[in-house]
Amino acid sequence: MISIIIINFNTPDLVKQAVSSVYQFIGDIQFEIIVIDNASSKGSIEKALINFPDVTLVKTKENIGFGRANNLGFEYAKGDYIFLLNSDAYLIDSTTVPLMITYLNQHDKVGIVGPNFIKADGSQNYAYGSLLEKRKIWSDIGFNKLSKEEWSHYATFKVCDVESPQEVGYLAAAGIITKKSVVDELGLFDPHIFLYYEDMELGWRYAQHDYGSVLLPSATIVHLGGGSGGSISKKLQEKIAASKKYYIKKRFGAFHFYRLQVASFFLLSLKRLKRRIS
């Protein structure tokens, strides 16, 4: 059985679309759907799911973030496979899920598989990325900027650009499948990350235990992009920045993190000085 976890935050109509696509395209695979309502304040998730009585609905008292909400959904999961599907994503064929499960079954050391994501108009959406490396971090703050040739190697957001299964740094978590046994062993998302970078941290952490993340270009899921999170407020921007800092500190250590902090402060001070002089 496959357990499908969908997080709702003020997007009941999108959840309905995602759930409907599962019923339409899942085929003969035994499945369950778990919807976590992340303390939504708009729309009615109950109304959206009225025609799907078998869906398990769990409501939180506060917005606990994307990662923790998925972790909560996992606590209710009974399947051998865990399918994390964004509310703003949906299936469009009956071959994608079986293909992803089959690949997992055939490769013991693959921890996560992900599809080629497209938008509603058929154009590509980002599907994977390289792990954030020190070289790119220093470039991002203004030191030794990446060349155009280097950029494609270090880019952390990429559309599917391969023609055969490819192990990658991490997979965009809008429609990924993993094994319950792997999650039991290593956990799902890091609960300290509220939003963004949780999928990158997951790919990095699984790789530390020799479980790869593989992009499957022949599997396709529509991901509208942006529909799940709504508009990005200043408070949310701060949470995203905090997620990035947490990831850097966790992966590279406190010493490297504070070096970056000092370097960022130095560059900012230098820019302010130049503005005063000019």
Protein backbone atom coordinates (compact mmCIF):
# COMPACT_ATOMS: atom_id res chain seq x y z
CA MET A 1 0.00 0.00 0.00
CA ILE A 2 1.07 3.57 -0.61
CA SER A 3 0.32 6.39 1.84
CA ILE A 4 -0.21 9.76 0.19
CA ILE A 5 0.33 12.80 2.41
CA ILE A 6 -1.01 16.20 1.36
CA ILE A 7 -0.60 19.39 3.39
CA ASN A 8 -3.31 22.03 3.27
CA PHE A 9 -2.74 25.66 4.17
CA ASN A 10 -5.62 27.80 2.93
CA THR A 11 -5.85 25.90 -0.39
CA PRO A 12 -8.88 23.58 -0.10
CA ASP A 13 -9.70 23.76 -3.82
CA LEU A 14 -6.16 22.72 -4.73
CA VAL A 15 -6.32 19.86 -2.23
CA LYS A 16 -9.54 18.69 -3.86
CA GLN A 17 -7.82 18.74 -7.26
CA ALA A 18 -4.83 16.78 -5.93
CA VAL A 19 -7.03 14.18 -4.22
CA SER A 20 -9.25 13.83 -7.30
CA SER A 21 -6.19 13.16 -9.46
CA VAL A 22 -5.11 10.34 -7.17
CA TYR A 23 -8.48 8.63 -7.42
CA GLN A 24 -8.45 9.11 -11.17
CA PHE A 25 -4.94 7.89 -11.93
CA ILE A 26 -3.73 5.66 -9.09
CA GLY A 27 -5.05 2.54 -10.84
CA ASP A 28 -4.99 -0.79 -9.01
CA ILE A 29 -2.51 0.31 -6.35
CA GLN A 30 -3.92 0.11 -2.84
CA PHE A 31 -3.65 3.53 -1.27
CA GLU A 32 -4.67 5.81 1.56
CA ILE A 33 -4.71 9.62 1.59
CA ILE A 34 -3.83 11.64 4.66
CA VAL A 35 -4.53 15.37 4.58
CA ILE A 36 -2.95 17.55 7.25
CA ASP A 37 -4.71 20.89 7.63
CA ASN A 38 -2.02 23.28 8.87
CA ALA A 39 -4.30 25.59 10.91
CA SER A 40 -5.91 27.06 7.80
CA SER A 41 -8.01 30.19 8.17
CA LYS A 42 -9.51 30.35 4.67
CA GLY A 43 -11.95 28.02 2.95
CA SER A 44 -13.35 24.74 4.21
CA ILE A 45 -11.21 21.64 3.88
CA GLU A 46 -14.15 19.55 5.10
CA LYS A 47 -16.28 20.83 2.21
CA ALA A 48 -13.46 20.19 -0.27
CA LEU A 49 -13.22 16.56 0.88
CA ILE A 50 -16.94 15.87 1.22
CA ASN A 51 -16.89 13.44 -1.73
CA PHE A 52 -13.85 11.60 -0.38
CA PRO A 53 -14.97 10.04 2.93
CA ASP A 54 -12.02 7.63 3.01
CA VAL A 55 -9.49 10.46 3.31
CA THR A 56 -7.98 10.83 6.76
CA LEU A 57 -8.13 14.50 7.82
CA VAL A 58 -5.93 15.75 10.65
CA LYS A 59 -6.11 19.37 11.78
CA THR A 60 -3.36 21.16 13.69
CA LYS A 61 -3.97 23.95 16.19
CA GLU A 62 -1.23 26.11 14.68
CA ASN A 63 0.78 26.30 11.49
CA ILE A 64 3.62 23.92 12.29
CA GLY A 65 5.36 24.32 8.92
CA PHE A 66 5.63 22.09 5.87
CA GLY A 67 8.17 19.64 7.22
CA ARG A 68 6.57 18.98 10.59
CA ALA A 69 3.14 18.68 8.96
CA ASN A 70 4.45 15.92 6.69
CA ASN A 71 6.08 14.27 9.69
CA LEU A 72 2.70 14.33 11.41
CA GLY A 73 1.09 12.75 8.36
CA PHE A 74 3.71 10.00 8.44
CA GLU A 75 2.61 9.09 11.96
CA TYR A 76 -0.75 8.07 10.49
CA ALA A 77 0.70 6.26 7.47
CA LYS A 78 0.22 2.51 7.13
CA GLY A 79 1.68 2.02 3.65
CA ASP A 80 5.01 0.54 2.63
CA TYR A 81 5.60 3.62 0.47
CA ILE A 82 5.23 7.28 1.39
CA PHE A 83 4.13 9.68 -1.34
CA LEU A 84 4.45 13.37 -0.45
CA LEU A 85 2.20 15.32 -2.81
CA ASN A 86 1.89 19.10 -2.63
CA SER A 87 -1.60 20.52 -2.55
CA ASP A 88 -0.73 22.47 -5.72
CA ALA A 89 0.41 19.34 -7.54
CA TYR A 90 -1.59 16.61 -9.24
CA LEU A 91 -1.27 13.42 -11.25
CA ILE A 92 -1.97 13.41 -14.99
CA ASP A 93 -1.37 9.77 -15.96
CA SER A 94 -1.62 6.24 -14.59
CA THR A 95 2.03 5.32 -15.22
CA THR A 96 3.95 7.76 -13.02
CA VAL A 97 3.28 6.30 -9.57
CA PRO A 98 3.84 2.64 -10.60
CA LEU A 99 7.06 3.65 -12.37
CA MET A 100 8.35 5.41 -9.26
CA ILE A 101 7.47 2.50 -6.97
CA THR A 102 9.03 -0.02 -9.36
CA TYR A 103 12.28 1.93 -9.45
CA LEU A 104 12.42 2.03 -5.65
CA ASN A 105 11.82 -1.72 -5.52
CA GLN A 106 14.61 -2.41 -7.98
CA HIS A 107 17.22 -0.23 -6.25
CA ASP A 108 17.77 -0.91 -2.56
CA LYS A 109 20.10 2.05 -2.05
CA VAL A 110 17.77 4.61 -3.58
CA GLY A 111 16.00 6.44 -0.78
CA ILE A 112 13.82 8.87 -2.73
CA VAL A 113 12.52 9.14 -6.29
CA GLY A 114 11.03 12.20 -7.91
CA PRO A 115 9.42 13.07 -11.26
CA ASN A 116 9.76 15.64 -13.97
CA PHE A 117 7.56 18.51 -12.78
CA ILE A 118 5.65 20.54 -15.32
CA LYS A 119 3.31 23.49 -14.98
CA ALA A 120 -0.33 23.47 -16.08
CA ASP A 121 0.65 24.87 -19.50
CA GLY A 122 3.16 22.08 -20.06
CA SER A 123 6.28 24.15 -19.43
CA GLN A 124 8.82 22.79 -17.01
CA ASN A 125 8.90 23.54 -13.30
CA TYR A 126 11.90 22.99 -11.10
CA ALA A 127 12.34 19.35 -10.12
CA TYR A 128 15.69 19.04 -8.38
CA GLY A 129 18.89 20.80 -7.51
CA SER A 130 22.47 20.51 -6.42
CA LEU A 131 23.09 20.65 -2.70
CA LEU A 132 24.05 24.11 -1.51
CA GLU A 133 27.86 24.05 -1.45
CA LYS A 134 30.37 26.39 0.17
CA ARG A 135 31.46 27.67 -3.24
CA LYS A 136 27.96 28.89 -4.05
CA ILE A 137 27.35 30.26 -0.57
CA TRP A 138 30.41 32.50 -0.81
CA SER A 139 29.42 33.54 -4.33
CA ASP A 140 25.90 34.43 -3.13
CA ILE A 141 27.25 36.87 -0.56
CA GLY A 142 29.60 38.50 -3.07
CA PHE A 143 32.95 36.72 -2.88
CA ASN A 144 34.46 35.12 -5.99
CA LYS A 145 31.25 35.09 -8.02
CA LEU A 146 30.40 31.94 -9.95
CA SER A 147 31.05 32.00 -13.68
CA LYS A 148 28.29 31.04 -16.14
CA GLU A 149 30.05 27.73 -16.69
CA GLU A 150 30.12 27.01 -12.95
CA TRP A 151 26.55 28.12 -12.33
CA SER A 152 24.86 25.09 -13.91
CA HIS A 153 26.88 22.76 -11.68
CA TYR A 154 26.11 24.59 -8.44
CA ALA A 155 22.52 25.66 -9.18
CA THR A 156 20.14 24.63 -6.41
CA PHE A 157 16.98 24.90 -8.56
CA LYS A 158 16.88 23.01 -11.86
CA VAL A 159 14.24 21.73 -14.26
CA CYS A 160 14.45 18.13 -15.43
CA ASP A 161 17.21 18.13 -18.04
CA VAL A 162 18.10 14.43 -18.24
CA GLU A 163 16.72 11.62 -20.40
CA SER A 164 17.37 8.68 -18.07
CA PRO A 165 17.27 8.17 -14.27
CA GLN A 166 19.85 10.39 -12.63
CA GLU A 167 21.06 10.56 -9.04
CA VAL A 168 20.92 14.18 -7.89
CA GLY A 169 21.68 16.28 -4.84
CA TYR A 170 18.07 16.59 -3.77
CA LEU A 171 14.55 16.38 -5.19
CA ALA A 172 11.84 19.01 -4.97
CA ALA A 173 9.41 17.62 -2.41
CA ALA A 174 6.24 18.50 -4.32
CA GLY A 175 5.73 14.89 -5.42
CA ILE A 176 8.34 12.45 -4.13
CA ILE A 177 8.07 8.83 -3.04
CA THR A 178 10.18 7.07 -0.44
CA LYS A 179 9.99 3.80 1.47
CA LYS A 180 8.45 3.65 4.93
CA SER A 181 11.37 1.46 6.01
CA VAL A 182 13.84 4.22 5.08
CA VAL A 183 11.82 6.84 6.97
CA ASP A 184 11.62 4.51 9.97
CA GLU A 185 15.40 4.29 9.88
CA LEU A 186 16.37 7.91 9.15
CA GLY A 187 13.28 10.03 9.80
CA LEU A 188 11.48 12.30 7.37
CA PHE A 189 11.95 16.08 7.49
CA ASP A 190 14.06 17.89 10.06
CA PRO A 191 11.47 19.47 12.42
CA HIS A 192 13.67 22.55 12.95
CA ILE A 193 13.07 23.66 9.35
CA PHE A 194 9.74 25.48 8.97
CA LEU A 195 9.64 25.92 5.20
CA TYR A 196 12.12 25.58 2.32
CA TYR A 197 15.45 23.73 2.54
CA GLU A 198 13.71 20.78 4.19
CA ASP A 199 13.91 18.80 0.93
CA MET A 200 17.56 19.73 0.43
CA GLU A 201 18.41 18.70 4.00
CA LEU A 202 16.55 15.43 3.43
CA GLY A 203 18.52 14.63 0.29
CA TRP A 204 21.81 15.46 2.01
CA ARG A 205 21.00 13.46 5.15
CA TYR A 206 19.87 10.38 3.25
CA ALA A 207 23.03 10.53 1.14
CA GLN A 208 25.11 10.47 4.32
CA HIS A 209 23.60 7.03 4.91
CA ASP A 210 24.13 5.90 1.29
CA TYR A 211 20.54 6.39 0.17
CA GLY A 212 20.45 8.26 -3.12
CA SER A 213 17.88 10.66 -4.54
CA VAL A 214 16.99 9.79 -8.14
CA LEU A 215 15.20 11.92 -10.71
CA LEU A 216 12.99 9.91 -13.08
CA PRO A 217 12.38 11.91 -16.28
CA SER A 218 9.77 9.47 -17.60
CA ALA A 219 7.55 10.16 -14.58
CA THR A 220 5.58 13.40 -14.81
CA ILE A 221 3.52 15.35 -12.27
CA VAL A 222 2.01 18.81 -12.63
CA HIS A 223 3.25 21.25 -9.99
CA LEU A 224 1.66 24.65 -10.27
CA GLY A 225 4.26 26.21 -7.97
CA GLY A 226 3.50 28.77 -5.29
CA GLY A 227 -0.06 27.67 -4.71
CA SER A 228 0.68 25.81 -1.49
CA GLY A 229 2.44 28.60 0.35
CA GLY A 230 0.43 31.66 -0.66
CA SER A 231 2.04 35.09 -0.71
CA ILE A 232 5.37 35.43 1.04
CA SER A 233 5.06 37.81 3.98
CA LYS A 234 7.99 39.44 5.75
CA LYS A 235 7.54 36.99 8.61
CA LEU A 236 7.67 34.06 6.21
CA GLN A 237 10.75 35.49 4.49
CA GLU A 238 12.44 35.55 7.90
CA LYS A 239 11.51 31.89 8.44
CA ILE A 240 12.95 30.95 5.04
CA ALA A 241 16.18 32.82 5.84
CA ALA A 242 16.31 31.02 9.18
CA SER A 243 15.88 27.67 7.37
CA LYS A 244 18.84 28.43 5.12
CA LYS A 245 21.02 29.43 8.06
CA TYR A 246 20.02 26.28 9.94
CA TYR A 247 20.89 24.08 6.95
CA ILE A 248 24.29 25.74 6.50
CA LYS A 249 25.11 25.44 10.18
CA LYS A 250 23.96 21.81 10.36
CA ARG A 251 25.88 20.72 7.29
CA PHE A 252 29.08 22.75 7.50
CA GLY A 253 29.33 23.45 11.21
CA ALA A 254 29.15 26.50 13.45
CA PHE A 255 32.64 27.79 12.58
CA HIS A 256 31.92 28.06 8.85
CA PHE A 257 28.50 29.55 9.55
CA TYR A 258 29.93 32.35 11.70
CA ARG A 259 32.65 33.03 9.13
CA LEU A 260 29.86 33.66 6.64
CA GLN A 261 28.09 35.92 9.09
CA VAL A 262 31.21 38.02 9.58
CA ALA A 263 31.88 38.15 5.83
CA SER A 264 28.29 39.21 5.12
CA PHE A 265 28.53 41.96 7.72
CA PHE A 266 31.83 43.15 6.23
CA LEU A 267 30.40 43.36 2.70
CA LEU A 268 27.26 45.13 3.87
CA SER A 269 29.34 47.68 5.77
CA LEU A 270 31.56 48.20 2.73
CA LYS A 271 28.55 48.85 0.49
CA ARG A 272 27.13 51.37 2.96
CA LEU A 273 30.50 53.15 3.11
CA LYS A 274 30.68 53.34 -0.69
CA ARG A 275 27.20 54.87 -0.83
CA ARG A 276 28.16 57.55 1.69
CA ILE A 277 31.33 58.41 -0.22
CA SER A 278 29.56 58.58 -3.61
